[in-house]
Every structure is written in structure tokens, then in C-alpha cells.
Amino acid sequence: MRWPFFRWPFSRPQAARPARPRVPVVQVPMRWVLPVVTGLVVGLAAHLVAILIMPYQAPADAWARIATLGPANTVVLVPPSAADSELMPFLDPAFATAACRYDLSAGPLKLRVPVTADYTSVSFYTRHGQTFYGISDRAAGRKMIDVDLMTPQQRTLLPSDEEITAADRLIVESPSKTGIAIIRALVREAGARPEIETLLVRATCGPAS
């Protein structure tokens, strides 16, 4: 028996803790790191590019579908959307819809939309469906929504006297020469749709002069 010949009364032997299982560590060779990271970055970039160019490569986008209803720079009535043949996505059945597929190559256009008793709005989209402006009859404060549509370059060519009176006009600058103007009018009752659609057809989208 070795020293000490007794145990301290307050000390107790501690139970041995079970050994923790070791998790195997996978060693990735350094020569693989760069190719793997490069592949991930290239794959992500390709995915983002595919998403961004999709509207430009769509063979039957809203522009092409509306073209089947009538020529450019003309207001056409858009039929109520159907599940199997929808001309435009997300059409609200509570609204009557008309569209003007505009082309500013020959010069500015004037869009005139008679307002309805309830609610009328006009939204402007680029050729590829990006919205850039919108106005309602309440914001216009008139019985007619009157818009001068032109490109920024065409606006710079306005005579100085027209720029002075521009405060009295609603000038909308289109970022591209082609685009779509969507006219919506609320249909409070189903029986009122024909009357409202007749009013929308009276809208014009033609040369400013």
C-alpha cells in the first residue's frame, strides 16, 4: 500500500467519460477546389443569364399574341382570358381590357382613353413586358386620359414653346420605341361589360400630329 493510506472523505472517484466517436474528416485535395468552385460559379451565371434572356427569346409573348388582334398603333379589345388561350397573363375577369401595341419609330403618339363611371387605368410596358408607367382616371382628374407617348430622344426634339406648355400635358417617355399600353376598366356588373367595352374601343392610339 502506498501513501496516502486513506482517501479524503469528501473526494469521490470520477467515472470515466466514454470516448466520443470521431467523425471522419474528408480531405479534399487542393487541386480539386478551384475546378469545383469554378463549376459552381459558371453554373449559377448560366442559370441567371437564362432567366434574364427568357423574355427576349419567348416565341409567343404578349407582343406577338396581341399582334394577332390588330395592327400596331391601334387600340384593340382583348377578349376575356381563358385557361387554354390566354392572350395576356394575369388578366382580371372583373376588368374589361384593351391594348395598343405601339411603335414610335415614325414619331410620338397620342393615347386618348375615355374614362368609365367606376375606374379606368392605363399601364405601359416595354416590348418585353417590363412595366415603366401607369396612371388612373383618378390621378388624371379628367373625363379623358390624354397621354403623349414618346422616347427620351424624341422629347429632346420638342420645340421650346411645346416644352413650356409641357406642364399642362402628360408626357410619358418610353424607354424603347416599341411597347404595349394596357387599358383596364372595372366592370361592376356582368351586364355592363358590353357598354364598357364599347367605350374602350373608342380609345385612340395614333400619331401626335
Protein backbone atom coordinates (compact mmCIF):
# COMPACT_ATOMS: atom_id res chain seq x y z
CA MET A 1 0.00 0.00 0.00
CA ARG A 2 1.31 3.36 -0.97
CA TRP A 3 0.86 6.79 0.50
CA PRO A 4 -1.70 8.02 1.22
CA PHE A 5 -3.18 5.14 3.17
CA PHE A 6 -6.71 6.64 3.12
CA ARG A 7 -8.97 8.61 0.81
CA TRP A 8 -10.14 12.09 1.59
CA PRO A 9 -13.71 11.66 2.85
CA PHE A 10 -15.13 14.27 0.50
CA SER A 11 -13.42 13.11 -2.63
CA ARG A 12 -15.10 10.57 -4.84
CA PRO A 13 -13.66 8.77 -7.77
CA GLN A 14 -14.92 10.20 -11.05
CA ALA A 15 -16.39 7.83 -13.56
CA ALA A 16 -14.52 7.62 -16.78
CA ARG A 17 -16.23 9.51 -19.61
CA PRO A 18 -16.99 7.47 -22.68
CA ALA A 19 -14.86 8.39 -25.61
CA ARG A 20 -16.64 10.44 -28.27
CA PRO A 21 -16.83 8.85 -31.67
CA ARG A 22 -14.58 10.56 -34.09
CA VAL A 23 -16.15 11.94 -37.24
CA PRO A 24 -14.05 11.09 -40.21
CA VAL A 25 -12.77 14.20 -41.96
CA VAL A 26 -12.77 14.04 -45.71
CA GLN A 27 -9.66 15.59 -47.07
CA VAL A 28 -10.35 17.32 -50.39
CA PRO A 29 -7.26 17.65 -52.50
CA MET A 30 -6.43 21.29 -53.13
CA ARG A 31 -6.22 20.64 -56.84
CA TRP A 32 -9.99 19.96 -56.84
CA VAL A 33 -11.05 23.14 -55.05
CA LEU A 34 -10.58 25.55 -57.94
CA PRO A 35 -12.38 23.41 -60.56
CA VAL A 36 -15.32 22.78 -58.21
CA VAL A 37 -15.72 26.46 -57.29
CA THR A 38 -15.37 27.49 -60.93
CA GLY A 39 -18.04 25.00 -61.97
CA LEU A 40 -20.47 26.30 -59.35
CA VAL A 41 -19.92 29.92 -60.38
CA VAL A 42 -20.31 29.15 -64.09
CA GLY A 43 -23.48 27.13 -63.44
CA LEU A 44 -25.03 29.92 -61.38
CA ALA A 45 -24.13 32.53 -64.00
CA ALA A 46 -25.64 30.41 -66.79
CA HIS A 47 -28.85 29.99 -64.78
CA LEU A 48 -29.18 33.75 -64.21
CA VAL A 49 -28.49 34.53 -67.87
CA ALA A 50 -31.14 32.02 -68.97
CA ILE A 51 -33.72 33.68 -66.71
CA LEU A 52 -32.84 37.19 -67.92
CA ILE A 53 -32.97 36.41 -71.64
CA MET A 54 -36.14 34.31 -71.42
CA PRO A 55 -38.50 37.26 -72.14
CA TYR A 56 -36.40 38.17 -75.20
CA GLN A 57 -36.45 34.65 -76.63
CA ALA A 58 -40.11 33.78 -76.00
CA PRO A 59 -41.65 32.99 -79.40
CA ALA A 60 -45.22 33.87 -78.36
CA ASP A 61 -45.02 36.68 -75.83
CA ALA A 62 -47.72 39.27 -75.17
CA TRP A 63 -46.49 41.43 -78.06
CA ALA A 64 -46.84 38.57 -80.54
CA ARG A 65 -50.22 37.48 -79.19
CA ILE A 66 -51.69 40.99 -79.30
CA ALA A 67 -50.40 41.32 -82.88
CA THR A 68 -53.00 38.72 -83.86
CA LEU A 69 -55.78 41.13 -82.84
CA GLY A 70 -54.82 44.10 -84.99
CA PRO A 71 -52.06 46.34 -86.37
CA ALA A 72 -49.69 48.49 -84.35
CA ASN A 73 -50.74 51.92 -83.06
CA THR A 74 -54.36 50.79 -82.84
CA VAL A 75 -56.48 50.13 -79.76
CA VAL A 76 -57.88 46.60 -79.85
CA LEU A 77 -60.17 44.87 -77.40
CA VAL A 78 -58.62 41.93 -75.56
CA PRO A 79 -61.11 39.05 -75.20
CA PRO A 80 -61.75 37.75 -71.67
CA SER A 81 -58.95 35.42 -70.67
CA ALA A 82 -59.45 31.68 -70.91
CA ALA A 83 -57.37 28.98 -69.30
CA ASP A 84 -56.42 27.38 -72.60
CA SER A 85 -55.90 30.51 -74.73
CA GLU A 86 -54.85 33.47 -72.62
CA LEU A 87 -53.54 36.37 -74.66
CA MET A 88 -52.05 38.08 -71.63
CA PRO A 89 -51.12 36.63 -68.24
CA PHE A 90 -52.98 37.51 -65.06
CA LEU A 91 -55.99 39.17 -66.67
CA ASP A 92 -58.56 40.06 -64.03
CA PRO A 93 -62.05 38.96 -65.14
CA ALA A 94 -63.50 41.90 -63.19
CA PHE A 95 -61.97 44.29 -65.74
CA ALA A 96 -62.55 44.89 -69.43
CA THR A 97 -59.19 45.15 -71.18
CA ALA A 98 -57.94 46.83 -74.34
CA ALA A 99 -54.42 47.16 -75.68
CA CYS A 100 -52.35 49.30 -78.01
CA ARG A 101 -49.23 47.70 -79.44
CA TYR A 102 -47.34 50.90 -80.16
CA ASP A 103 -44.37 51.66 -82.39
CA LEU A 104 -42.66 55.05 -82.03
CA SER A 105 -40.32 54.61 -84.99
CA ALA A 106 -42.24 57.19 -87.05
CA GLY A 107 -42.66 59.66 -84.19
CA PRO A 108 -44.53 60.31 -80.93
CA LEU A 109 -48.04 59.01 -80.36
CA LYS A 110 -51.07 60.39 -78.55
CA LEU A 111 -53.15 57.99 -76.47
CA ARG A 112 -56.67 59.13 -75.60
CA VAL A 113 -58.80 56.94 -73.34
CA PRO A 114 -62.36 57.86 -72.27
CA VAL A 115 -62.86 57.03 -68.61
CA THR A 116 -65.72 54.93 -67.28
CA ALA A 117 -68.01 55.66 -64.36
CA ASP A 118 -66.13 53.39 -61.94
CA TYR A 119 -62.41 53.00 -62.61
CA THR A 120 -60.11 53.20 -65.62
CA SER A 121 -56.33 52.82 -65.78
CA VAL A 122 -53.56 52.72 -68.36
CA SER A 123 -50.30 50.82 -67.85
CA PHE A 124 -47.29 51.00 -70.15
CA TYR A 125 -44.95 48.09 -70.81
CA THR A 126 -41.82 47.64 -72.88
CA ARG A 127 -41.70 45.24 -75.81
CA HIS A 128 -40.63 42.50 -73.39
CA GLY A 129 -43.20 43.10 -70.67
CA GLN A 130 -41.38 45.40 -68.24
CA THR A 131 -43.75 47.99 -66.80
CA PHE A 132 -42.47 51.57 -66.69
CA TYR A 133 -45.52 53.80 -66.12
CA GLY A 134 -49.13 53.70 -65.01
CA ILE A 135 -51.95 56.18 -64.48
CA SER A 136 -55.61 56.01 -63.47
CA ASP A 137 -58.58 58.26 -64.15
CA ARG A 138 -58.45 59.49 -60.56
CA ALA A 139 -54.85 60.59 -60.95
CA ALA A 140 -55.62 62.26 -64.27
CA GLY A 141 -58.63 64.06 -62.79
CA ARG A 142 -60.34 64.35 -66.15
CA LYS A 143 -63.01 62.64 -68.22
CA MET A 144 -60.32 61.64 -70.70
CA ILE A 145 -56.89 60.15 -70.04
CA ASP A 146 -54.72 62.04 -72.53
CA VAL A 147 -51.10 60.89 -72.87
CA ASP A 148 -48.29 61.98 -75.20
CA LEU A 149 -46.05 58.95 -75.65
CA MET A 150 -42.51 59.39 -76.95
CA THR A 151 -38.92 58.28 -76.47
CA PRO A 152 -36.44 60.43 -74.50
CA GLN A 153 -34.71 61.33 -77.77
CA GLN A 154 -37.99 62.47 -79.32
CA ARG A 155 -38.73 64.64 -76.32
CA THR A 156 -35.45 66.50 -76.75
CA LEU A 157 -36.63 67.44 -80.25
CA LEU A 158 -39.76 69.18 -78.98
CA PRO A 159 -39.86 72.90 -79.83
CA SER A 160 -39.17 75.22 -76.93
CA ASP A 161 -42.73 76.53 -76.89
CA GLU A 162 -44.05 72.99 -76.51
CA GLU A 163 -41.70 72.39 -73.59
CA ILE A 164 -43.11 75.47 -71.88
CA THR A 165 -46.63 74.05 -72.09
CA ALA A 166 -45.48 70.56 -71.13
CA ALA A 167 -46.72 71.13 -67.59
CA ASP A 168 -50.27 71.06 -68.95
CA ARG A 169 -49.63 67.83 -70.83
CA LEU A 170 -48.99 64.32 -69.62
CA ILE A 171 -45.81 63.23 -71.40
CA VAL A 172 -44.72 59.63 -70.91
CA GLU A 173 -41.24 58.64 -72.05
CA SER A 174 -40.94 55.11 -73.35
CA PRO A 175 -37.50 53.51 -72.82
CA SER A 176 -37.88 51.73 -76.17
CA LYS A 177 -39.53 52.50 -79.49
CA THR A 178 -41.92 49.57 -79.20
CA GLY A 179 -44.14 48.57 -76.33
CA ILE A 180 -47.66 47.89 -75.12
CA ALA A 181 -50.25 50.15 -73.49
CA ILE A 182 -52.83 48.19 -71.50
CA ILE A 183 -56.18 49.85 -70.76
CA ARG A 184 -58.33 48.41 -67.98
CA ALA A 185 -61.85 49.41 -66.93
CA LEU A 186 -63.71 47.98 -63.96
CA VAL A 187 -66.87 46.02 -64.77
CA ARG A 188 -69.03 46.27 -61.69
CA GLU A 189 -71.83 44.12 -63.12
CA ALA A 190 -71.66 41.46 -65.82
CA GLY A 191 -74.45 43.14 -67.77
CA ALA A 192 -72.42 46.34 -68.05
CA ARG A 193 -69.48 44.71 -69.87
CA PRO A 194 -70.71 45.38 -73.45
CA GLU A 195 -71.20 49.07 -72.72
CA ILE A 196 -67.77 49.40 -71.10
CA GLU A 197 -66.06 47.50 -73.91
CA THR A 198 -67.72 49.81 -76.43
CA LEU A 199 -66.29 52.77 -74.52
CA LEU A 200 -62.79 51.26 -74.52
CA VAL A 201 -62.91 50.68 -78.27
CA ARG A 202 -63.38 54.44 -78.68
CA ALA A 203 -59.87 54.96 -77.30
CA THR A 204 -57.29 56.07 -79.85
CA CYS A 205 -53.56 55.48 -80.15
CA GLY A 206 -52.18 57.35 -83.14
CA PRO A 207 -49.68 59.95 -84.33
CA ALA A 208 -49.44 63.02 -82.13
CA SER A 209 -49.67 65.41 -85.09
